[in-house]
Amino acid sequence: MENVIEIKGLTKEFKVLNRHEGIKGSFKDLFSRDYKIVKAVDDISMNVGQGEIVGYLGPNGAGKSTTIKMMTGVLEPSSGELIVNGRVPYKERKKNCEDIGVVFGQRSQLWWALPLVESFKLLKDIYQIPDKDYKDMLDIYGTMVDLDMLLHKPVRQMSLGQRTLSDILAAFLHNPKIVFLDEPTIGLDVSMKSKIRELILELNKKKNTTVILTTHDMGDVDALCRRIVIIDKGKKLYDNDIQHLRGFFGSYRTLKIRPKEEIKLAADELEKELKDLDIKVSISDDNEWINLLVNEDKIKVLDVLSKVQSLHDIRDMQLEEISTEEVIKKIYEGGI
């Protein structure tokens, strides 16, 4: 598999002013040379092959956006090597832009007051897309989404989901080798998230486009990514597939219980009662279940269930393997 992104020892440093408090401090800062060096990205190396979908994950401030900005040519690295599509991005920004597409959260690249088709035509001219290639892409889009409903609708009249869908179509329109997606499903409902994920997978499959995905939504990761790269404080912590990652926490299970009493009250009580057993207690998104994350190297799930049943009336229970979201949390917390 051909590598479209090659990174070796990539580092990005920023000079940050050590600010002082108060009005006098603000005035002093105007003339201060008291700076500290912050490494937003610290010695990262990895290769990405053509057609891969890679989840690039990390907590806020980990250095994800800085890395993406260097890949797109917006920022120049402080040191290290970075090759994208055979080019150094910041040295050949225009050429680099011709072979990439970007979708950054809720910041649309579409023209607000114009129908979507006019935005597409403008992008066709900007990227100099041949007529046949443009028509072929619209035909492909038409097999995936209800394109007629979107094409003649002004962007400002679209729902958030429709706008995100349209932004992704726009990013793939000129058939780029790489598309960078930053939080593409943020703020969307479950149904629209599913449509967005299906669209990304289908475009990746049909066009063999490499996708770099940054997200905090583990549903996106599970649905789209075979490989994930995790960074924190600028350093790479993990680079492999999700199944391999779960292997690090194979002894963890999630015991889901549905108590007869009020769920928030029961969860608070269980957190106190199980505190000494190092069991993490949380409530599910649908507010129906209490989740107990159990490390079976320390205590068996059956023992936990027996203790819970002795203290609370339980209507229902389930047992699940550790979720991707819990695995990622454990890594952020220093569990690997």
C-alpha atoms as a PDB file:
ATOM      1  CA  MET A   1       0.000   0.000   0.000  1.00  0.00           C
ATOM      2  CA  GLU A   2       1.385   3.387  -1.045  1.00  0.00           C
ATOM      3  CA  ASN A   3       1.947   5.886   1.756  1.00  0.00           C
ATOM      4  CA  VAL A   4       0.229   9.237   1.154  1.00  0.00           C
ATOM      5  CA  ILE A   5       1.332  10.705   4.504  1.00  0.00           C
ATOM      6  CA  GLU A   6       4.833  10.193   5.934  1.00  0.00           C
ATOM      7  CA  ILE A   7       5.706  11.758   9.301  1.00  0.00           C
ATOM      8  CA  LYS A   8       9.020  11.403  11.102  1.00  0.00           C
ATOM      9  CA  GLY A   9       9.950  13.161  14.349  1.00  0.00           C
ATOM     10  CA  LEU A  10       7.375  15.904  13.789  1.00  0.00           C
ATOM     11  CA  THR A  11       7.504  18.719  16.367  1.00  0.00           C
ATOM     12  CA  LYS A  12       5.723  22.065  16.643  1.00  0.00           C
ATOM     13  CA  GLU A  13       6.688  24.603  19.295  1.00  0.00           C
ATOM     14  CA  PHE A  14       4.975  27.865  20.206  1.00  0.00           C
ATOM     15  CA  LYS A  15       6.295  30.790  22.215  1.00  0.00           C
ATOM     16  CA  VAL A  16       3.739  31.659  24.883  1.00  0.00           C
ATOM     17  CA  LEU A  17       3.945  34.840  26.966  1.00  0.00           C
ATOM     18  CA  ASN A  18       3.996  34.366  30.737  1.00  0.00           C
ATOM     19  CA  ARG A  19       1.199  36.816  31.531  1.00  0.00           C
ATOM     20  CA  HIS A  20       0.844  38.863  34.701  1.00  0.00           C
ATOM     21  CA  GLU A  21      -2.388  39.600  36.575  1.00  0.00           C
ATOM     22  CA  GLY A  22      -4.202  42.917  36.831  1.00  0.00           C
ATOM     23  CA  ILE A  23      -4.047  46.177  34.865  1.00  0.00           C
ATOM     24  CA  LYS A  24      -0.403  46.791  35.764  1.00  0.00           C
ATOM     25  CA  GLY A  25       0.422  43.267  34.720  1.00  0.00           C
ATOM     26  CA  SER A  26      -1.325  43.727  31.358  1.00  0.00           C
ATOM     27  CA  PHE A  27       0.672  46.911  30.727  1.00  0.00           C
ATOM     28  CA  LYS A  28       3.875  45.119  31.727  1.00  0.00           C
ATOM     29  CA  ASP A  29       3.048  42.296  29.283  1.00  0.00           C
ATOM     30  CA  LEU A  30       3.171  44.784  26.390  1.00  0.00           C
ATOM     31  CA  PHE A  31       6.933  45.084  26.860  1.00  0.00           C
ATOM     32  CA  SER A  32       7.683  41.696  28.402  1.00  0.00           C
ATOM     33  CA  ARG A  33      10.056  39.174  26.865  1.00  0.00           C
ATOM     34  CA  ASP A  34       9.222  36.558  29.457  1.00  0.00           C
ATOM     35  CA  TYR A  35       8.206  33.680  27.198  1.00  0.00           C
ATOM     36  CA  LYS A  36       7.968  29.945  27.682  1.00  0.00           C
ATOM     37  CA  ILE A  37       8.197  27.306  24.950  1.00  0.00           C
ATOM     38  CA  VAL A  38       5.188  24.964  24.619  1.00  0.00           C
ATOM     39  CA  LYS A  39       5.461  21.804  22.513  1.00  0.00           C
ATOM     40  CA  ALA A  40       2.029  21.336  20.951  1.00  0.00           C
ATOM     41  CA  VAL A  41       3.323  18.354  18.951  1.00  0.00           C
ATOM     42  CA  ASP A  42       6.299  16.445  20.327  1.00  0.00           C
ATOM     43  CA  ASP A  43       8.284  14.011  18.140  1.00  0.00           C
ATOM     44  CA  ILE A  44       5.409  12.211  16.365  1.00  0.00           C
ATOM     45  CA  SER A  45       6.129   9.635  13.653  1.00  0.00           C
ATOM     46  CA  MET A  46       3.655   7.627  11.548  1.00  0.00           C
ATOM     47  CA  ASN A  47       2.780   6.648   7.984  1.00  0.00           C
ATOM     48  CA  VAL A  48      -0.723   6.569   6.481  1.00  0.00           C
ATOM     49  CA  GLY A  49      -1.490   4.465   3.409  1.00  0.00           C
ATOM     50  CA  GLN A  50      -3.788   5.257   0.485  1.00  0.00           C
ATOM     51  CA  GLY A  51      -7.389   4.378   1.316  1.00  0.00           C
ATOM     52  CA  GLU A  52      -6.993   4.118   5.104  1.00  0.00           C
ATOM     53  CA  ILE A  53      -9.475   5.670   7.519  1.00  0.00           C
ATOM     54  CA  VAL A  54      -7.471   6.678  10.579  1.00  0.00           C
ATOM     55  CA  GLY A  55      -8.996   7.963  13.801  1.00  0.00           C
ATOM     56  CA  TYR A  56      -6.698  10.645  15.224  1.00  0.00           C
ATOM     57  CA  LEU A  57      -7.773  10.916  18.842  1.00  0.00           C
ATOM     58  CA  GLY A  58      -6.823  12.762  21.997  1.00  0.00           C
ATOM     59  CA  PRO A  59      -8.263  15.004  24.715  1.00  0.00           C
ATOM     60  CA  ASN A  60      -8.709  18.739  24.161  1.00  0.00           C
ATOM     61  CA  GLY A  61      -5.313  20.418  23.804  1.00  0.00           C
ATOM     62  CA  ALA A  62      -3.527  17.168  22.901  1.00  0.00           C
ATOM     63  CA  GLY A  63      -2.130  18.549  19.622  1.00  0.00           C
ATOM     64  CA  LYS A  64      -4.558  17.033  17.101  1.00  0.00           C
ATOM     65  CA  SER A  65      -5.539  20.278  15.363  1.00  0.00           C
ATOM     66  CA  THR A  66      -1.918  21.450  15.266  1.00  0.00           C
ATOM     67  CA  THR A  67      -0.917  18.218  13.491  1.00  0.00           C
ATOM     68  CA  ILE A  68      -3.768  18.586  10.992  1.00  0.00           C
ATOM     69  CA  LYS A  69      -2.779  22.197  10.304  1.00  0.00           C
ATOM     70  CA  MET A  70       0.760  21.080   9.523  1.00  0.00           C
ATOM     71  CA  MET A  71      -0.540  18.328   7.207  1.00  0.00           C
ATOM     72  CA  THR A  72      -2.681  20.845   5.328  1.00  0.00           C
ATOM     73  CA  GLY A  73       0.171  23.369   5.065  1.00  0.00           C
ATOM     74  CA  VAL A  74      -1.352  26.016   7.340  1.00  0.00           C
ATOM     75  CA  LEU A  75       1.505  25.680   9.856  1.00  0.00           C
ATOM     76  CA  GLU A  76       5.222  25.049   9.359  1.00  0.00           C
ATOM     77  CA  PRO A  77       6.767  22.370  11.622  1.00  0.00           C
ATOM     78  CA  SER A  78       9.461  23.418  14.086  1.00  0.00           C
ATOM     79  CA  SER A  79      11.407  20.252  13.267  1.00  0.00           C
ATOM     80  CA  GLY A  80      10.992  16.785  11.765  1.00  0.00           C
ATOM     81  CA  GLU A  81       9.869  15.540   8.358  1.00  0.00           C
ATOM     82  CA  LEU A  82       6.356  15.735   6.905  1.00  0.00           C
ATOM     83  CA  ILE A  83       5.488  14.559   3.394  1.00  0.00           C
ATOM     84  CA  VAL A  84       1.880  14.624   2.109  1.00  0.00           C
ATOM     85  CA  ASN A  85       1.207  13.287  -1.378  1.00  0.00           C
ATOM     86  CA  GLY A  86       4.932  13.496  -2.088  1.00  0.00           C
ATOM     87  CA  ARG A  87       5.146  17.180  -1.105  1.00  0.00           C
ATOM     88  CA  VAL A  88       6.189  19.271   1.884  1.00  0.00           C
ATOM     89  CA  PRO A  89       2.808  20.905   2.661  1.00  0.00           C
ATOM     90  CA  TYR A  90       3.907  24.364   3.867  1.00  0.00           C
ATOM     91  CA  LYS A  91       6.346  24.753   0.968  1.00  0.00           C
ATOM     92  CA  GLU A  92       3.766  23.834  -1.687  1.00  0.00           C
ATOM     93  CA  ARG A  93       0.501  25.005  -0.134  1.00  0.00           C
ATOM     94  CA  LYS A  94      -1.363  25.525  -3.405  1.00  0.00           C
ATOM     95  CA  LYS A  95      -0.414  22.157  -4.872  1.00  0.00           C
ATOM     96  CA  ASN A  96      -1.123  20.470  -1.539  1.00  0.00           C
ATOM     97  CA  CYS A  97      -4.616  22.002  -1.410  1.00  0.00           C
ATOM     98  CA  GLU A  98      -5.442  20.533  -4.808  1.00  0.00           C
ATOM     99  CA  ASP A  99      -5.164  16.990  -3.441  1.00  0.00           C
ATOM    100  CA  ILE A 100      -6.877  17.380  -0.060  1.00  0.00           C
ATOM    101  CA  GLY A 101     -10.378  18.079   1.234  1.00  0.00           C
ATOM    102  CA  VAL A 102     -11.329  19.396   4.665  1.00  0.00           C
ATOM    103  CA  VAL A 103     -14.413  19.516   6.883  1.00  0.00           C
ATOM    104  CA  PHE A 104     -13.892  21.380  10.158  1.00  0.00           C
ATOM    105  CA  GLY A 105     -16.803  20.881  12.553  1.00  0.00           C
ATOM    106  CA  GLN A 106     -19.568  23.418  12.020  1.00  0.00           C
ATOM    107  CA  ARG A 107     -17.471  25.884   9.973  1.00  0.00           C
ATOM    108  CA  SER A 108     -18.931  25.491   6.516  1.00  0.00           C
ATOM    109  CA  GLN A 109     -16.981  26.000   3.291  1.00  0.00           C
ATOM    110  CA  LEU A 110     -20.249  26.538   1.391  1.00  0.00           C
ATOM    111  CA  TRP A 111     -21.628  29.903   0.287  1.00  0.00           C
ATOM    112  CA  TRP A 112     -24.306  30.778   2.839  1.00  0.00           C
ATOM    113  CA  ALA A 113     -26.905  32.510   0.663  1.00  0.00           C
ATOM    114  CA  LEU A 114     -26.530  30.353  -2.469  1.00  0.00           C
ATOM    115  CA  PRO A 115     -28.137  27.027  -3.376  1.00  0.00           C
ATOM    116  CA  LEU A 116     -25.767  24.080  -2.911  1.00  0.00           C
ATOM    117  CA  VAL A 117     -25.428  23.534  -6.654  1.00  0.00           C
ATOM    118  CA  GLU A 118     -23.929  27.036  -7.035  1.00  0.00           C
ATOM    119  CA  SER A 119     -21.341  26.247  -4.363  1.00  0.00           C
ATOM    120  CA  PHE A 120     -20.528  23.044  -6.224  1.00  0.00           C
ATOM    121  CA  LYS A 121     -20.103  24.971  -9.499  1.00  0.00           C
ATOM    122  CA  LEU A 122     -17.791  27.477  -7.813  1.00  0.00           C
ATOM    123  CA  LEU A 123     -15.717  24.641  -6.354  1.00  0.00           C
ATOM    124  CA  LYS A 124     -15.645  23.025  -9.804  1.00  0.00           C
ATOM    125  CA  ASP A 125     -14.073  26.211 -11.204  1.00  0.00           C
ATOM    126  CA  ILE A 126     -11.690  26.667  -8.264  1.00  0.00           C
ATOM    127  CA  TYR A 127     -10.345  23.112  -8.533  1.00  0.00           C
ATOM    128  CA  GLN A 128     -10.657  23.054 -12.351  1.00  0.00           C
ATOM    129  CA  ILE A 129     -12.628  19.819 -12.303  1.00  0.00           C
ATOM    130  CA  PRO A 130     -13.282  18.486 -15.845  1.00  0.00           C
ATOM    131  CA  ASP A 131     -16.966  18.409 -16.848  1.00  0.00           C
ATOM    132  CA  LYS A 132     -17.058  14.604 -17.065  1.00  0.00           C
ATOM    133  CA  ASP A 133     -15.433  14.129 -13.640  1.00  0.00           C
ATOM    134  CA  TYR A 134     -17.851  16.651 -12.115  1.00  0.00           C
ATOM    135  CA  LYS A 135     -20.867  14.891 -13.623  1.00  0.00           C
ATOM    136  CA  ASP A 136     -19.555  11.486 -12.529  1.00  0.00           C
ATOM    137  CA  MET A 137     -19.201  12.697  -8.931  1.00  0.00           C
ATOM    138  CA  LEU A 138     -22.748  14.107  -8.911  1.00  0.00           C
ATOM    139  CA  ASP A 139     -24.007  10.769 -10.280  1.00  0.00           C
ATOM    140  CA  ILE A 140     -22.176   8.926  -7.481  1.00  0.00           C
ATOM    141  CA  TYR A 141     -23.634  11.335  -4.911  1.00  0.00           C
ATOM    142  CA  GLY A 142     -27.092  10.759  -6.346  1.00  0.00           C
ATOM    143  CA  THR A 143     -26.846   7.038  -5.557  1.00  0.00           C
ATOM    144  CA  MET A 144     -25.968   7.766  -1.918  1.00  0.00           C
ATOM    145  CA  VAL A 145     -28.183  10.679  -0.838  1.00  0.00           C
ATOM    146  CA  ASP A 146     -31.316  12.506  -1.985  1.00  0.00           C
ATOM    147  CA  LEU A 147     -29.223  15.004  -3.950  1.00  0.00           C
ATOM    148  CA  ASP A 148     -32.131  16.690  -5.776  1.00  0.00           C
ATOM    149  CA  MET A 149     -33.559  17.802  -2.442  1.00  0.00           C
ATOM    150  CA  LEU A 150     -30.237  19.429  -1.471  1.00  0.00           C
ATOM    151  CA  LEU A 151     -28.887  20.878  -4.702  1.00  0.00           C
ATOM    152  CA  HIS A 152     -31.372  23.722  -5.110  1.00  0.00           C
ATOM    153  CA  LYS A 153     -31.744  24.582  -1.432  1.00  0.00           C
ATOM    154  CA  PRO A 154     -29.877  27.651  -0.093  1.00  0.00           C
ATOM    155  CA  VAL A 155     -27.321  26.621   2.529  1.00  0.00           C
ATOM    156  CA  ARG A 156     -28.813  29.044   5.082  1.00  0.00           C
ATOM    157  CA  GLN A 157     -32.125  27.138   4.912  1.00  0.00           C
ATOM    158  CA  MET A 158     -30.530  23.759   5.580  1.00  0.00           C
ATOM    159  CA  SER A 159     -30.592  21.956   8.906  1.00  0.00           C
ATOM    160  CA  LEU A 160     -27.260  21.340  10.625  1.00  0.00           C
ATOM    161  CA  GLY A 161     -27.312  17.734   9.437  1.00  0.00           C
ATOM    162  CA  GLN A 162     -28.014  18.681   5.815  1.00  0.00           C
ATOM    163  CA  ARG A 163     -25.260  21.289   5.924  1.00  0.00           C
ATOM    164  CA  THR A 164     -22.743  18.787   7.324  1.00  0.00           C
ATOM    165  CA  LEU A 165     -23.764  16.267   4.680  1.00  0.00           C
ATOM    166  CA  SER A 166     -23.299  18.925   1.977  1.00  0.00           C
ATOM    167  CA  ASP A 167     -19.915  19.966   3.385  1.00  0.00           C
ATOM    168  CA  ILE A 168     -18.677  16.370   3.184  1.00  0.00           C
ATOM    169  CA  LEU A 169     -19.918  16.091  -0.412  1.00  0.00           C
ATOM    170  CA  ALA A 170     -18.085  19.342  -1.206  1.00  0.00           C
ATOM    171  CA  ALA A 171     -14.855  18.052   0.386  1.00  0.00           C
ATOM    172  CA  PHE A 172     -14.863  14.946  -1.832  1.00  0.00           C
ATOM    173  CA  LEU A 173     -16.063  16.750  -4.987  1.00  0.00           C
ATOM    174  CA  HIS A 174     -12.639  17.269  -6.619  1.00  0.00           C
ATOM    175  CA  ASN A 175     -11.665  13.640  -5.861  1.00  0.00           C
ATOM    176  CA  PRO A 176      -8.847  14.464  -3.409  1.00  0.00           C
ATOM    177  CA  LYS A 177      -6.415  11.785  -2.256  1.00  0.00           C
ATOM    178  CA  ILE A 178      -6.895  12.769   1.409  1.00  0.00           C
ATOM    179  CA  VAL A 179      -9.852  14.233   3.304  1.00  0.00           C
ATOM    180  CA  PHE A 180      -9.463  15.643   6.822  1.00  0.00           C
ATOM    181  CA  LEU A 181     -12.628  15.448   8.924  1.00  0.00           C
ATOM    182  CA  ASP A 182     -12.659  17.326  12.236  1.00  0.00           C
ATOM    183  CA  GLU A 183     -15.679  16.430  14.409  1.00  0.00           C
ATOM    184  CA  PRO A 184     -17.944  15.796  11.384  1.00  0.00           C
ATOM    185  CA  THR A 185     -20.942  14.578  13.427  1.00  0.00           C
ATOM    186  CA  ILE A 186     -20.814  17.079  16.303  1.00  0.00           C
ATOM    187  CA  GLY A 187     -24.288  18.252  17.331  1.00  0.00           C
ATOM    188  CA  LEU A 188     -26.166  15.819  15.067  1.00  0.00           C
ATOM    189  CA  ASP A 189     -28.960  13.431  16.018  1.00  0.00           C
ATOM    190  CA  VAL A 190     -28.502   9.649  15.936  1.00  0.00           C
ATOM    191  CA  SER A 191     -30.166   9.197  12.541  1.00  0.00           C
ATOM    192  CA  MET A 192     -28.090  11.875  10.800  1.00  0.00           C
ATOM    193  CA  LYS A 193     -24.885  10.588  12.400  1.00  0.00           C
ATOM    194  CA  SER A 194     -25.608   7.187  10.879  1.00  0.00           C
ATOM    195  CA  LYS A 195     -26.176   8.714   7.414  1.00  0.00           C
ATOM    196  CA  ILE A 196     -22.930  10.726   7.645  1.00  0.00           C
ATOM    197  CA  ARG A 197     -20.954   7.628   8.632  1.00  0.00           C
ATOM    198  CA  GLU A 198     -22.451   5.575   5.803  1.00  0.00           C
ATOM    199  CA  LEU A 199     -21.632   8.354   3.339  1.00  0.00           C
ATOM    200  CA  ILE A 200     -17.990   8.574   4.473  1.00  0.00           C
ATOM    201  CA  LEU A 201     -17.552   4.794   4.269  1.00  0.00           C
ATOM    202  CA  GLU A 202     -19.111   4.626   0.818  1.00  0.00           C
ATOM    203  CA  LEU A 203     -16.992   7.483  -0.572  1.00  0.00           C
ATOM    204  CA  ASN A 204     -13.872   5.923   0.917  1.00  0.00           C
ATOM    205  CA  LYS A 205     -14.763   2.591  -0.697  1.00  0.00           C
ATOM    206  CA  LYS A 206     -15.665   4.006  -4.134  1.00  0.00           C
ATOM    207  CA  LYS A 207     -12.825   6.524  -4.477  1.00  0.00           C
ATOM    208  CA  ASN A 208     -10.169   4.867  -2.220  1.00  0.00           C
ATOM    209  CA  THR A 209      -9.788   8.224  -0.467  1.00  0.00           C
ATOM    210  CA  THR A 210      -7.638   8.384   2.651  1.00  0.00           C
ATOM    211  CA  VAL A 211      -9.580   9.843   5.595  1.00  0.00           C
ATOM    212  CA  ILE A 212      -8.040  11.371   8.719  1.00  0.00           C
ATOM    213  CA  LEU A 213     -10.775  11.676  11.347  1.00  0.00           C
ATOM    214  CA  THR A 214     -10.524  13.662  14.576  1.00  0.00           C
ATOM    215  CA  THR A 215     -13.474  13.173  16.892  1.00  0.00           C
ATOM    216  CA  HIS A 216     -14.595  12.788  20.503  1.00  0.00           C
ATOM    217  CA  ASP A 217     -17.538  10.630  19.401  1.00  0.00           C
ATOM    218  CA  MET A 218     -16.564   6.989  19.888  1.00  0.00           C
ATOM    219  CA  GLY A 219     -19.524   6.000  17.718  1.00  0.00           C
ATOM    220  CA  ASP A 220     -17.653   7.576  14.782  1.00  0.00           C
ATOM    221  CA  VAL A 221     -14.533   5.608  15.695  1.00  0.00           C
ATOM    222  CA  ASP A 222     -16.347   2.260  15.987  1.00  0.00           C
ATOM    223  CA  ALA A 223     -18.252   2.802  12.721  1.00  0.00           C
ATOM    224  CA  LEU A 224     -15.411   4.126  10.566  1.00  0.00           C
ATOM    225  CA  CYS A 225     -11.915   3.367  11.833  1.00  0.00           C
ATOM    226  CA  ARG A 226      -9.899   0.163  11.753  1.00  0.00           C
ATOM    227  CA  ARG A 227      -6.807   2.036  12.920  1.00  0.00           C
ATOM    228  CA  ILE A 228      -6.558   4.677  15.614  1.00  0.00           C
ATOM    229  CA  VAL A 229      -3.723   6.966  16.655  1.00  0.00           C
ATOM    230  CA  ILE A 230      -3.952   8.463  20.143  1.00  0.00           C
ATOM    231  CA  ILE A 231      -1.936  11.480  21.274  1.00  0.00           C
ATOM    232  CA  ASP A 232      -1.840  13.412  24.525  1.00  0.00           C
ATOM    233  CA  LYS A 233       0.266  16.450  25.453  1.00  0.00           C
ATOM    234  CA  GLY A 234       1.747  16.336  21.971  1.00  0.00           C
ATOM    235  CA  LYS A 235       3.107  12.784  22.268  1.00  0.00           C
ATOM    236  CA  LYS A 236       1.867   9.672  20.494  1.00  0.00           C
ATOM    237  CA  LEU A 237       0.523   7.088  22.951  1.00  0.00           C
ATOM    238  CA  TYR A 238      -0.915   4.447  20.633  1.00  0.00           C
ATOM    239  CA  ASP A 239      -1.003   3.504  16.941  1.00  0.00           C
ATOM    240  CA  ASN A 240      -2.788   0.264  16.030  1.00  0.00           C
ATOM    241  CA  ASP A 241      -6.262  -1.226  15.495  1.00  0.00           C
ATOM    242  CA  ILE A 242      -9.120  -1.071  18.004  1.00  0.00           C
ATOM    243  CA  GLN A 243      -9.167  -4.836  18.676  1.00  0.00           C
ATOM    244  CA  HIS A 244      -5.489  -4.767  19.630  1.00  0.00           C
ATOM    245  CA  LEU A 245      -6.203  -1.795  21.883  1.00  0.00           C
ATOM    246  CA  ARG A 246      -9.001  -3.604  23.707  1.00  0.00           C
ATOM    247  CA  GLY A 247      -6.549  -6.431  24.370  1.00  0.00           C
ATOM    248  CA  PHE A 248      -4.736  -4.179  26.844  1.00  0.00           C
ATOM    249  CA  PHE A 249      -7.918  -4.106  28.927  1.00  0.00           C
ATOM    250  CA  GLY A 250      -9.209  -7.611  28.312  1.00  0.00           C
ATOM    251  CA  SER A 251      -9.945  -8.164  31.998  1.00  0.00           C
ATOM    252  CA  TYR A 252     -12.446  -5.302  32.109  1.00  0.00           C
ATOM    253  CA  ARG A 253     -16.191  -5.909  31.816  1.00  0.00           C
ATOM    254  CA  THR A 254     -19.153  -3.559  32.078  1.00  0.00           C
ATOM    255  CA  LEU A 255     -21.962  -4.745  34.319  1.00  0.00           C
ATOM    256  CA  LYS A 256     -25.167  -2.897  33.392  1.00  0.00           C
ATOM    257  CA  ILE A 257     -27.959  -2.907  35.955  1.00  0.00           C
ATOM    258  CA  ARG A 258     -31.450  -1.415  35.978  1.00  0.00           C
ATOM    259  CA  PRO A 259     -32.586  -0.780  39.580  1.00  0.00           C
ATOM    260  CA  LYS A 260     -36.169  -0.470  40.770  1.00  0.00           C
ATOM    261  CA  GLU A 261     -35.401   2.775  42.612  1.00  0.00           C
ATOM    262  CA  GLU A 262     -34.644   6.184  41.081  1.00  0.00           C
ATOM    263  CA  ILE A 263     -31.567   5.720  38.915  1.00  0.00           C
ATOM    264  CA  LYS A 264     -29.565   8.810  39.969  1.00  0.00           C
ATOM    265  CA  LEU A 265     -30.089   8.014  43.648  1.00  0.00           C
ATOM    266  CA  ALA A 266     -29.068   4.370  43.127  1.00  0.00           C
ATOM    267  CA  ALA A 267     -25.948   5.377  41.167  1.00  0.00           C
ATOM    268  CA  ASP A 268     -24.831   7.797  43.891  1.00  0.00           C
ATOM    269  CA  GLU A 269     -25.297   5.123  46.550  1.00  0.00           C
ATOM    270  CA  LEU A 270     -23.446   2.491  44.529  1.00  0.00           C
ATOM    271  CA  GLU A 271     -20.534   4.856  43.968  1.00  0.00           C
ATOM    272  CA  LYS A 272     -20.121   5.125  47.751  1.00  0.00           C
ATOM    273  CA  GLU A 273     -20.740   1.445  48.417  1.00  0.00           C
ATOM    274  CA  LEU A 274     -18.266   0.209  45.763  1.00  0.00           C
ATOM    275  CA  LYS A 275     -15.629   2.878  46.246  1.00  0.00           C
ATOM    276  CA  ASP A 276     -13.152   0.538  47.954  1.00  0.00           C
ATOM    277  CA  LEU A 277     -13.422  -1.958  45.062  1.00  0.00           C
ATOM    278  CA  ASP A 278     -12.167   0.578  42.481  1.00  0.00           C
ATOM    279  CA  ILE A 279     -15.297   0.215  40.332  1.00  0.00           C
ATOM    280  CA  LYS A 280     -16.265   3.105  38.106  1.00  0.00           C
ATOM    281  CA  VAL A 281     -19.992   3.952  38.255  1.00  0.00           C
ATOM    282  CA  SER A 282     -21.788   5.906  35.497  1.00  0.00           C
ATOM    283  CA  ILE A 283     -25.284   6.324  34.052  1.00  0.00           C
ATOM    284  CA  SER A 284     -26.022   5.421  30.421  1.00  0.00           C
ATOM    285  CA  ASP A 285     -26.879   8.114  27.867  1.00  0.00           C
ATOM    286  CA  ASP A 286     -30.520   6.991  27.749  1.00  0.00           C
ATOM    287  CA  ASN A 287     -30.727   7.313  31.560  1.00  0.00           C
ATOM    288  CA  GLU A 288     -31.953   3.705  31.779  1.00  0.00           C
ATOM    289  CA  TRP A 289     -28.904   1.800  33.055  1.00  0.00           C
ATOM    290  CA  ILE A 290     -26.195   2.097  35.689  1.00  0.00           C
ATOM    291  CA  ASN A 291     -22.837   1.032  34.244  1.00  0.00           C
ATOM    292  CA  LEU A 292     -20.276  -0.586  36.542  1.00  0.00           C
ATOM    293  CA  LEU A 293     -16.806  -0.925  34.998  1.00  0.00           C
ATOM    294  CA  VAL A 294     -15.216  -3.966  36.668  1.00  0.00           C
ATOM    295  CA  ASN A 295     -11.586  -5.105  36.524  1.00  0.00           C
ATOM    296  CA  GLU A 296     -11.850  -8.892  36.920  1.00  0.00           C
ATOM    297  CA  ASP A 297      -8.168  -9.112  37.833  1.00  0.00           C
ATOM    298  CA  LYS A 298      -9.232  -7.497  41.130  1.00  0.00           C
ATOM    299  CA  ILE A 299     -12.810  -8.742  41.629  1.00  0.00           C
ATOM    300  CA  LYS A 300     -15.122 -11.043  39.703  1.00  0.00           C
ATOM    301  CA  VAL A 301     -18.272  -9.646  38.074  1.00  0.00           C
ATOM    302  CA  LEU A 302     -20.413 -12.257  39.874  1.00  0.00           C
ATOM    303  CA  ASP A 303     -19.093 -11.044  43.227  1.00  0.00           C
ATOM    304  CA  VAL A 304     -19.947  -7.464  42.289  1.00  0.00           C
ATOM    305  CA  LEU A 305     -23.435  -8.515  41.161  1.00  0.00           C
ATOM    306  CA  SER A 306     -23.985 -10.415  44.388  1.00  0.00           C
ATOM    307  CA  LYS A 307     -23.003  -7.374  46.453  1.00  0.00           C
ATOM    308  CA  VAL A 308     -25.240  -5.068  44.423  1.00  0.00           C
ATOM    309  CA  GLN A 309     -28.212  -7.456  44.738  1.00  0.00           C
ATOM    310  CA  SER A 310     -27.766  -7.554  48.516  1.00  0.00           C
ATOM    311  CA  LEU A 311     -28.127  -3.772  48.628  1.00  0.00           C
ATOM    312  CA  HIS A 312     -30.600  -2.936  45.821  1.00  0.00           C
ATOM    313  CA  ASP A 313     -33.597  -4.436  44.031  1.00  0.00           C
ATOM    314  CA  ILE A 314     -32.639  -5.039  40.375  1.00  0.00           C
ATOM    315  CA  ARG A 315     -35.143  -5.238  37.524  1.00  0.00           C
ATOM    316  CA  ASP A 316     -32.673  -6.236  34.810  1.00  0.00           C
ATOM    317  CA  MET A 317     -28.948  -6.695  34.158  1.00  0.00           C
ATOM    318  CA  GLN A 318     -26.554  -7.116  31.208  1.00  0.00           C
ATOM    319  CA  LEU A 319     -22.858  -7.891  30.817  1.00  0.00           C
ATOM    320  CA  GLU A 320     -20.742  -6.275  28.091  1.00  0.00           C
ATOM    321  CA  GLU A 321     -17.104  -6.207  27.022  1.00  0.00           C
ATOM    322  CA  ILE A 322     -15.324  -2.917  27.683  1.00  0.00           C
ATOM    323  CA  SER A 323     -16.429  -0.280  25.172  1.00  0.00           C
ATOM    324  CA  THR A 324     -14.099   1.699  22.907  1.00  0.00           C
ATOM    325  CA  GLU A 325     -15.041   4.836  24.828  1.00  0.00           C
ATOM    326  CA  GLU A 326     -13.985   3.321  28.141  1.00  0.00           C
ATOM    327  CA  VAL A 327     -10.720   2.070  26.599  1.00  0.00           C
ATOM    328  CA  ILE A 328      -9.889   5.552  25.310  1.00  0.00           C
ATOM    329  CA  LYS A 329     -10.694   7.056  28.731  1.00  0.00           C
ATOM    330  CA  LYS A 330      -8.383   4.556  30.435  1.00  0.00           C
ATOM    331  CA  ILE A 331      -5.547   5.517  28.083  1.00  0.00           C
ATOM    332  CA  TYR A 332      -6.110   9.238  28.718  1.00  0.00           C
ATOM    333  CA  GLU A 333      -5.922   8.439  32.424  1.00  0.00           C
ATOM    334  CA  GLY A 334      -2.551   6.723  31.970  1.00  0.00           C
ATOM    335  CA  GLY A 335      -3.722   3.123  31.814  1.00  0.00           C
ATOM    336  CA  ILE A 336      -1.303   2.080  29.040  1.00  0.00           C
END
